[in-house]
């Protein structure tokens, strides 16, 4: 025997004219923080452990930040 709840779950869950759940922005921020932190933190630790200078670290992190900026703009334009 099927209940009303089971039949509702089988249909369309999100419609184009609906707003996403309130949890979505928080999950997006969490993903952004985790991905940016990993991409900045790992090169920083490796360069510092290698004994390189501050200017070398700045030049190593600049392309990372530039690539993140470019991909963010590309995603914003394509969305």
PDB file of N, CA and C in Angstrom:
ATOM      1  N   UNK A   1       0.822  -1.169   0.000  1.00  0.00           N
ATOM      2  CA  UNK A   1       0.000   0.000   0.000  1.00  0.00           C
ATOM      3  C   UNK A   1       0.875   1.244   0.000  1.00  0.00           C
ATOM      4  N   UNK A   2       0.600   2.159  -0.889  1.00  0.00           N
ATOM      5  CA  UNK A   2       1.420   3.352  -1.016  1.00  0.00           C
ATOM      6  C   UNK A   2       0.789   4.507  -0.260  1.00  0.00           C
ATOM      7  N   UNK A   3       1.613   5.260   0.402  1.00  0.00           N
ATOM      8  CA  UNK A   3       1.102   6.427   1.121  1.00  0.00           C
ATOM      9  C   UNK A   3       1.197   7.668   0.240  1.00  0.00           C
ATOM     10  N   UNK A   4       0.600   8.742   0.682  1.00  0.00           N
ATOM     11  CA  UNK A   4       0.635   9.997  -0.075  1.00  0.00           C
ATOM     12  C   UNK A   4       2.061  10.555  -0.110  1.00  0.00           C
ATOM     13  N   UNK A   5       2.812  10.360   0.960  1.00  0.00           N
ATOM     14  CA  UNK A   5       4.186  10.862   1.005  1.00  0.00           C
ATOM     15  C   UNK A   5       5.066  10.186  -0.042  1.00  0.00           C
ATOM     16  N   UNK A   6       4.879   8.896  -0.244  1.00  0.00           N
ATOM     17  CA  UNK A   6       5.690   8.165  -1.224  1.00  0.00           C
ATOM     18  C   UNK A   6       5.390   8.642  -2.632  1.00  0.00           C
ATOM     19  N   UNK A   7       4.139   8.916  -2.941  1.00  0.00           N
ATOM     20  CA  UNK A   7       3.805   9.372  -4.293  1.00  0.00           C
ATOM     21  C   UNK A   7       4.320  10.782  -4.537  1.00  0.00           C
ATOM     22  N   UNK A   8       4.386  11.615  -3.513  1.00  0.00           N
ATOM     23  CA  UNK A   8       4.922  12.969  -3.665  1.00  0.00           C
ATOM     24  C   UNK A   8       6.422  12.946  -3.928  1.00  0.00           C
ATOM     25  N   UNK A   9       7.129  12.005  -3.339  1.00  0.00           N
ATOM     26  CA  UNK A   9       8.577  11.927  -3.506  1.00  0.00           C
ATOM     27  C   UNK A   9       8.979  11.476  -4.901  1.00  0.00           C
ATOM     28  N   UNK A  10       8.108  10.807  -5.611  1.00  0.00           N
ATOM     29  CA  UNK A  10       8.433  10.312  -6.937  1.00  0.00           C
ATOM     30  C   UNK A  10       8.299  11.376  -8.016  1.00  0.00           C
ATOM     31  N   UNK A  11       7.570  12.436  -7.765  1.00  0.00           N
ATOM     32  CA  UNK A  11       7.322  13.477  -8.758  1.00  0.00           C
ATOM     33  C   UNK A  11       8.490  14.453  -8.850  1.00  0.00           C
ATOM     34  N   UNK A  12       8.212  15.577  -9.463  1.00  0.00           N
ATOM     35  CA  UNK A  12       9.218  16.628  -9.614  1.00  0.00           C
ATOM     36  C   UNK A  12       9.488  17.227  -8.247  1.00  0.00           C
ATOM     37  N   UNK A  13      10.765  17.348  -7.902  1.00  0.00           N
ATOM     38  CA  UNK A  13      11.113  17.864  -6.589  1.00  0.00           C
ATOM     39  C   UNK A  13      11.312  19.370  -6.600  1.00  0.00           C
ATOM     40  N   UNK A  14      11.979  19.914  -7.613  1.00  0.00           N
ATOM     41  CA  UNK A  14      12.220  21.343  -7.706  1.00  0.00           C
ATOM     42  C   UNK A  14      11.732  21.841  -9.050  1.00  0.00           C
ATOM     43  N   UNK A  15      11.006  22.898  -9.036  1.00  0.00           N
ATOM     44  CA  UNK A  15      10.517  23.487 -10.277  1.00  0.00           C
ATOM     45  C   UNK A  15      11.351  24.718 -10.600  1.00  0.00           C
ATOM     46  N   UNK A  16      11.458  25.103 -11.867  1.00  0.00           N
ATOM     47  CA  UNK A  16      12.279  26.251 -12.245  1.00  0.00           C
ATOM     48  C   UNK A  16      11.849  27.565 -11.604  1.00  0.00           C
ATOM     49  N   UNK A  17      10.580  27.710 -11.287  1.00  0.00           N
ATOM     50  CA  UNK A  17      10.116  28.966 -10.712  1.00  0.00           C
ATOM     51  C   UNK A  17      10.208  29.009  -9.185  1.00  0.00           C
ATOM     52  N   UNK A  18      10.743  27.975  -8.559  1.00  0.00           N
ATOM     53  CA  UNK A  18      10.876  27.940  -7.112  1.00  0.00           C
ATOM     54  C   UNK A  18      12.261  28.403  -6.682  1.00  0.00           C
ATOM     55  N   UNK A  19      12.330  28.962  -5.492  1.00  0.00           N
ATOM     56  CA  UNK A  19      13.613  29.338  -4.910  1.00  0.00           C
ATOM     57  C   UNK A  19      14.264  28.093  -4.313  1.00  0.00           C
ATOM     58  N   UNK A  20      15.605  28.022  -4.315  1.00  0.00           N
ATOM     59  CA  UNK A  20      16.260  26.863  -3.705  1.00  0.00           C
ATOM     60  C   UNK A  20      16.048  26.873  -2.183  1.00  0.00           C
ATOM     61  N   UNK A  21      16.246  25.734  -1.559  1.00  0.00           N
ATOM     62  CA  UNK A  21      16.087  25.692  -0.100  1.00  0.00           C
ATOM     63  C   UNK A  21      17.039  26.669   0.592  1.00  0.00           C
ATOM     64  N   UNK A  22      16.685  27.081   1.785  1.00  0.00           N
ATOM     65  CA  UNK A  22      17.480  28.060   2.532  1.00  0.00           C
ATOM     66  C   UNK A  22      18.881  27.543   2.848  1.00  0.00           C
ATOM     67  N   UNK A  23      19.080  26.261   2.805  1.00  0.00           N
ATOM     68  CA  UNK A  23      20.372  25.670   3.118  1.00  0.00           C
ATOM     69  C   UNK A  23      21.382  25.842   1.987  1.00  0.00           C
ATOM     70  N   UNK A  24      20.934  26.079   0.774  1.00  0.00           N
ATOM     71  CA  UNK A  24      21.814  26.145  -0.398  1.00  0.00           C
ATOM     72  C   UNK A  24      22.911  27.210  -0.307  1.00  0.00           C
ATOM     73  N   UNK A  25      22.629  28.452   0.080  1.00  0.00           N
ATOM     74  CA  UNK A  25      23.715  29.443   0.166  1.00  0.00           C
ATOM     75  C   UNK A  25      24.785  29.051   1.180  1.00  0.00           C
ATOM     76  N   UNK A  26      24.374  28.482   2.286  1.00  0.00           N
ATOM     77  CA  UNK A  26      25.340  28.047   3.296  1.00  0.00           C
ATOM     78  C   UNK A  26      26.252  26.947   2.772  1.00  0.00           C
ATOM     79  N   UNK A  27      25.685  26.014   2.026  1.00  0.00           N
ATOM     80  CA  UNK A  27      26.493  24.941   1.447  1.00  0.00           C
ATOM     81  C   UNK A  27      27.440  25.479   0.381  1.00  0.00           C
ATOM     82  N   UNK A  28      26.978  26.470  -0.377  1.00  0.00           N
ATOM     83  CA  UNK A  28      27.847  27.090  -1.382  1.00  0.00           C
ATOM     84  C   UNK A  28      29.024  27.803  -0.745  1.00  0.00           C
ATOM     85  N   UNK A  29      28.776  28.526   0.331  1.00  0.00           N
ATOM     86  CA  UNK A  29      29.856  29.221   1.041  1.00  0.00           C
ATOM     87  C   UNK A  29      30.821  28.211   1.633  1.00  0.00           C
ATOM     88  N   UNK A  30      30.307  27.134   2.193  1.00  0.00           N
ATOM     89  CA  UNK A  30      31.161  26.104   2.770  1.00  0.00           C
ATOM     90  C   UNK A  30      32.066  25.497   1.700  1.00  0.00           C
ATOM     91  N   UNK A  31      31.530  25.203   0.532  1.00  0.00           N
ATOM     92  CA  UNK A  31      32.338  24.648  -0.543  1.00  0.00           C
ATOM     93  C   UNK A  31      33.396  25.640  -1.007  1.00  0.00           C
ATOM     94  N   UNK A  32      33.025  26.898  -1.137  1.00  0.00           N
ATOM     95  CA  UNK A  32      33.975  27.923  -1.586  1.00  0.00           C
ATOM     96  C   UNK A  32      35.113  28.083  -0.589  1.00  0.00           C
ATOM     97  N   UNK A  33      34.794  28.122   0.688  1.00  0.00           N
ATOM     98  CA  UNK A  33      35.831  28.287   1.716  1.00  0.00           C
ATOM     99  C   UNK A  33      36.773  27.089   1.717  1.00  0.00           C
ATOM    100  N   UNK A  34      36.226  25.886   1.609  1.00  0.00           N
ATOM    101  CA  UNK A  34      37.075  24.693   1.624  1.00  0.00           C
ATOM    102  C   UNK A  34      37.977  24.620   0.396  1.00  0.00           C
ATOM    103  N   UNK A  35      37.451  24.940  -0.759  1.00  0.00           N
ATOM    104  CA  UNK A  35      38.264  24.825  -1.967  1.00  0.00           C
ATOM    105  C   UNK A  35      39.328  25.918  -2.039  1.00  0.00           C
ATOM    106  N   UNK A  36      38.980  27.138  -1.683  1.00  0.00           N
ATOM    107  CA  UNK A  36      39.968  28.222  -1.717  1.00  0.00           C
ATOM    108  C   UNK A  36      41.029  28.009  -0.643  1.00  0.00           C
ATOM    109  N   UNK A  37      40.606  27.576   0.531  1.00  0.00           N
ATOM    110  CA  UNK A  37      41.566  27.344   1.608  1.00  0.00           C
ATOM    111  C   UNK A  37      42.579  26.280   1.218  1.00  0.00           C
ATOM    112  N   UNK A  38      42.131  25.204   0.610  1.00  0.00           N
ATOM    113  CA  UNK A  38      43.056  24.137   0.217  1.00  0.00           C
ATOM    114  C   UNK A  38      44.011  24.609  -0.871  1.00  0.00           C
ATOM    115  N   UNK A  39      43.508  25.382  -1.813  1.00  0.00           N
ATOM    116  CA  UNK A  39      44.375  25.810  -2.915  1.00  0.00           C
ATOM    117  C   UNK A  39      45.378  26.865  -2.487  1.00  0.00           C
ATOM    118  N   UNK A  40      45.098  27.604  -1.452  1.00  0.00           N
ATOM    119  CA  UNK A  40      46.039  28.608  -0.952  1.00  0.00           C
ATOM    120  C   UNK A  40      46.926  28.007   0.136  1.00  0.00           C
ATOM    121  N   UNK A  41      46.362  27.187   0.987  1.00  0.00           N
ATOM    122  CA  UNK A  41      47.100  26.648   2.125  1.00  0.00           C
ATOM    123  C   UNK A  41      48.190  25.669   1.711  1.00  0.00           C
ATOM    124  N   UNK A  42      47.900  24.787   0.788  1.00  0.00           N
ATOM    125  CA  UNK A  42      48.890  23.772   0.387  1.00  0.00           C
ATOM    126  C   UNK A  42      50.132  24.402  -0.235  1.00  0.00           C
ATOM    127  N   UNK A  43      50.007  25.293  -1.230  1.00  0.00           N
ATOM    128  CA  UNK A  43      51.235  25.920  -1.751  1.00  0.00           C
ATOM    129  C   UNK A  43      51.983  26.734  -0.697  1.00  0.00           C
ATOM    130  N   UNK A  44      51.245  27.383   0.204  1.00  0.00           N
ATOM    131  CA  UNK A  44      51.907  28.164   1.248  1.00  0.00           C
ATOM    132  C   UNK A  44      52.748  27.276   2.150  1.00  0.00           C
ATOM    133  N   UNK A  45      52.209  26.158   2.563  1.00  0.00           N
ATOM    134  CA  UNK A  45      52.942  25.243   3.439  1.00  0.00           C
ATOM    135  C   UNK A  45      54.141  24.649   2.713  1.00  0.00           C
ATOM    136  N   UNK A  46      53.971  24.248   1.469  1.00  0.00           N
ATOM    137  CA  UNK A  46      55.065  23.634   0.721  1.00  0.00           C
ATOM    138  C   UNK A  46      56.188  24.642   0.469  1.00  0.00           C
ATOM    139  N   UNK A  47      55.834  25.858   0.099  1.00  0.00           N
ATOM    140  CA  UNK A  47      56.856  26.874  -0.174  1.00  0.00           C
ATOM    141  C   UNK A  47      57.566  27.273   1.112  1.00  0.00           C
ATOM    142  N   UNK A  48      56.832  27.403   2.191  1.00  0.00           N
ATOM    143  CA  UNK A  48      57.462  27.753   3.467  1.00  0.00           C
ATOM    144  C   UNK A  48      58.371  26.616   3.945  1.00  0.00           C
ATOM    145  N   UNK A  49      57.951  25.361   3.760  1.00  0.00           N
ATOM    146  CA  UNK A  49      58.779  24.220   4.168  1.00  0.00           C
ATOM    147  C   UNK A  49      60.033  24.124   3.305  1.00  0.00           C
ATOM    148  N   UNK A  50      59.936  24.568   2.055  1.00  0.00           N
ATOM    149  CA  UNK A  50      61.099  24.550   1.169  1.00  0.00           C
ATOM    150  C   UNK A  50      62.077  25.667   1.429  1.00  0.00           C
ATOM    151  N   UNK A  51      61.725  26.593   2.302  1.00  0.00           N
ATOM    152  CA  UNK A  51      62.630  27.662   2.666  1.00  0.00           C
ATOM    153  C   UNK A  51      62.691  28.796   1.653  1.00  0.00           C
ATOM    154  N   UNK A  52      61.664  28.936   0.840  1.00  0.00           N
ATOM    155  CA  UNK A  52      61.652  30.010  -0.157  1.00  0.00           C
ATOM    156  C   UNK A  52      61.256  31.335   0.493  1.00  0.00           C
ATOM    157  N   UNK A  53      61.499  32.411  -0.226  1.00  0.00           N
ATOM    158  CA  UNK A  53      61.242  33.750   0.301  1.00  0.00           C
ATOM    159  C   UNK A  53      59.756  34.110   0.183  1.00  0.00           C
ATOM    160  N   UNK A  54      59.410  35.227   0.844  1.00  0.00           N
ATOM    161  CA  UNK A  54      58.043  35.720   0.799  1.00  0.00           C
ATOM    162  C   UNK A  54      57.647  36.147  -0.616  1.00  0.00           C
ATOM    163  N   UNK A  55      58.585  36.726  -1.348  1.00  0.00           N
ATOM    164  CA  UNK A  55      58.262  37.162  -2.705  1.00  0.00           C
ATOM    165  C   UNK A  55      58.002  35.956  -3.617  1.00  0.00           C
ATOM    166  N   UNK A  56      58.704  34.854  -3.403  1.00  0.00           N
ATOM    167  CA  UNK A  56      58.468  33.646  -4.196  1.00  0.00           C
ATOM    168  C   UNK A  56      57.081  33.075  -3.897  1.00  0.00           C
ATOM    169  N   UNK A  57      56.709  33.142  -2.631  1.00  0.00           N
ATOM    170  CA  UNK A  57      55.384  32.647  -2.253  1.00  0.00           C
ATOM    171  C   UNK A  57      54.294  33.511  -2.882  1.00  0.00           C
ATOM    172  N   UNK A  58      54.506  34.817  -2.907  1.00  0.00           N
ATOM    173  CA  UNK A  58      53.516  35.705  -3.516  1.00  0.00           C
ATOM    174  C   UNK A  58      53.361  35.398  -5.001  1.00  0.00           C
ATOM    175  N   UNK A  59      54.480  35.156  -5.682  1.00  0.00           N
ATOM    176  CA  UNK A  59      54.399  34.829  -7.107  1.00  0.00           C
ATOM    177  C   UNK A  59      53.798  33.458  -7.344  1.00  0.00           C
ATOM    178  N   UNK A  60      53.932  32.552  -6.399  1.00  0.00           N
ATOM    179  CA  UNK A  60      53.332  31.225  -6.549  1.00  0.00           C
ATOM    180  C   UNK A  60      51.824  31.266  -6.294  1.00  0.00           C
ATOM    181  N   UNK A  61      51.379  32.136  -5.402  1.00  0.00           N
ATOM    182  CA  UNK A  61      49.958  32.199  -5.067  1.00  0.00           C
ATOM    183  C   UNK A  61      49.164  33.084  -6.025  1.00  0.00           C
ATOM    184  N   UNK A  62      49.835  34.001  -6.709  1.00  0.00           N
ATOM    185  CA  UNK A  62      49.126  34.875  -7.643  1.00  0.00           C
ATOM    186  C   UNK A  62      48.418  34.102  -8.754  1.00  0.00           C
ATOM    187  N   UNK A  63      49.074  33.148  -9.442  1.00  0.00           N
ATOM    188  CA  UNK A  63      48.342  32.411 -10.480  1.00  0.00           C
ATOM    189  C   UNK A  63      47.156  31.620  -9.926  1.00  0.00           C
ATOM    190  N   UNK A  64      47.290  31.107  -8.717  1.00  0.00           N
ATOM    191  CA  UNK A  64      46.185  30.370  -8.106  1.00  0.00           C
ATOM    192  C   UNK A  64      44.977  31.287  -7.925  1.00  0.00           C
ATOM    193  N   UNK A  65      45.218  32.471  -7.368  1.00  0.00           N
ATOM    194  CA  UNK A  65      44.122  33.416  -7.164  1.00  0.00           C
ATOM    195  C   UNK A  65      43.555  33.900  -8.495  1.00  0.00           C
ATOM    196  N   UNK A  66      44.414  34.106  -9.490  1.00  0.00           N
ATOM    197  CA  UNK A  66      43.955  34.564 -10.801  1.00  0.00           C
ATOM    198  C   UNK A  66      43.095  33.500 -11.489  1.00  0.00           C
ATOM    199  N   UNK A  67      43.487  32.246 -11.378  1.00  0.00           N
ATOM    200  CA  UNK A  67      42.706  31.163 -11.982  1.00  0.00           C
ATOM    201  C   UNK A  67      41.353  31.031 -11.293  1.00  0.00           C
ATOM    202  N   UNK A  68      41.339  31.135  -9.966  1.00  0.00           N
ATOM    203  CA  UNK A  68      40.062  31.085  -9.255  1.00  0.00           C
ATOM    204  C   UNK A  68      39.162  32.243  -9.675  1.00  0.00           C
ATOM    205  N   UNK A  69      39.717  33.427  -9.815  1.00  0.00           N
ATOM    206  CA  UNK A  69      38.925  34.568 -10.257  1.00  0.00           C
ATOM    207  C   UNK A  69      38.377  34.385 -11.642  1.00  0.00           C
ATOM    208  N   UNK A  70      39.218  33.878 -12.555  1.00  0.00           N
ATOM    209  CA  UNK A  70      38.782  33.672 -13.940  1.00  0.00           C
ATOM    210  C   UNK A  70      37.679  32.613 -14.027  1.00  0.00           C
ATOM    211  N   UNK A  71      37.819  31.524 -13.295  1.00  0.00           N
ATOM    212  CA  UNK A  71      36.782  30.495 -13.345  1.00  0.00           C
ATOM    213  C   UNK A  71      35.484  30.964 -12.704  1.00  0.00           C
ATOM    214  N   UNK A  72      35.589  31.788 -11.680  1.00  0.00           N
ATOM    215  CA  UNK A  72      34.379  32.340 -11.057  1.00  0.00           C
ATOM    216  C   UNK A  72      33.654  33.255 -12.033  1.00  0.00           C
ATOM    217  N   UNK A  73      34.397  34.104 -12.738  1.00  0.00           N
ATOM    218  CA  UNK A  73      33.771  34.984 -13.734  1.00  0.00           C
ATOM    219  C   UNK A  73      33.157  34.174 -14.859  1.00  0.00           C
ATOM    220  N   UNK A  74      33.840  33.127 -15.287  1.00  0.00           N
ATOM    221  CA  UNK A  74      33.327  32.287 -16.373  1.00  0.00           C
ATOM    222  C   UNK A  74      32.026  31.604 -15.946  1.00  0.00           C
ATOM    223  N   UNK A  75      31.988  31.099 -14.734  1.00  0.00           N
ATOM    224  CA  UNK A  75      30.773  30.458 -14.241  1.00  0.00           C
ATOM    225  C   UNK A  75      29.638  31.461 -14.095  1.00  0.00           C
ATOM    226  N   UNK A  76      29.959  32.682 -13.676  1.00  0.00           N
ATOM    227  CA  UNK A  76      28.924  33.701 -13.528  1.00  0.00           C
ATOM    228  C   UNK A  76      28.355  34.109 -14.885  1.00  0.00           C
ATOM    229  N   UNK A  77      29.198  34.161 -15.900  1.00  0.00           N
ATOM    230  CA  UNK A  77      28.740  34.542 -17.229  1.00  0.00           C
ATOM    231  C   UNK A  77      27.932  33.438 -17.903  1.00  0.00           C
ATOM    232  N   UNK A  78      28.275  32.192 -17.615  1.00  0.00           N
ATOM    233  CA  UNK A  78      27.602  31.060 -18.261  1.00  0.00           C
ATOM    234  C   UNK A  78      26.326  30.638 -17.534  1.00  0.00           C
ATOM    235  N   UNK A  79      26.132  31.132 -16.333  1.00  0.00           N
ATOM    236  CA  UNK A  79      24.963  30.700 -15.548  1.00  0.00           C
ATOM    237  C   UNK A  79      23.692  31.342 -15.986  1.00  0.00           C
TER     238      UNK A  79
END
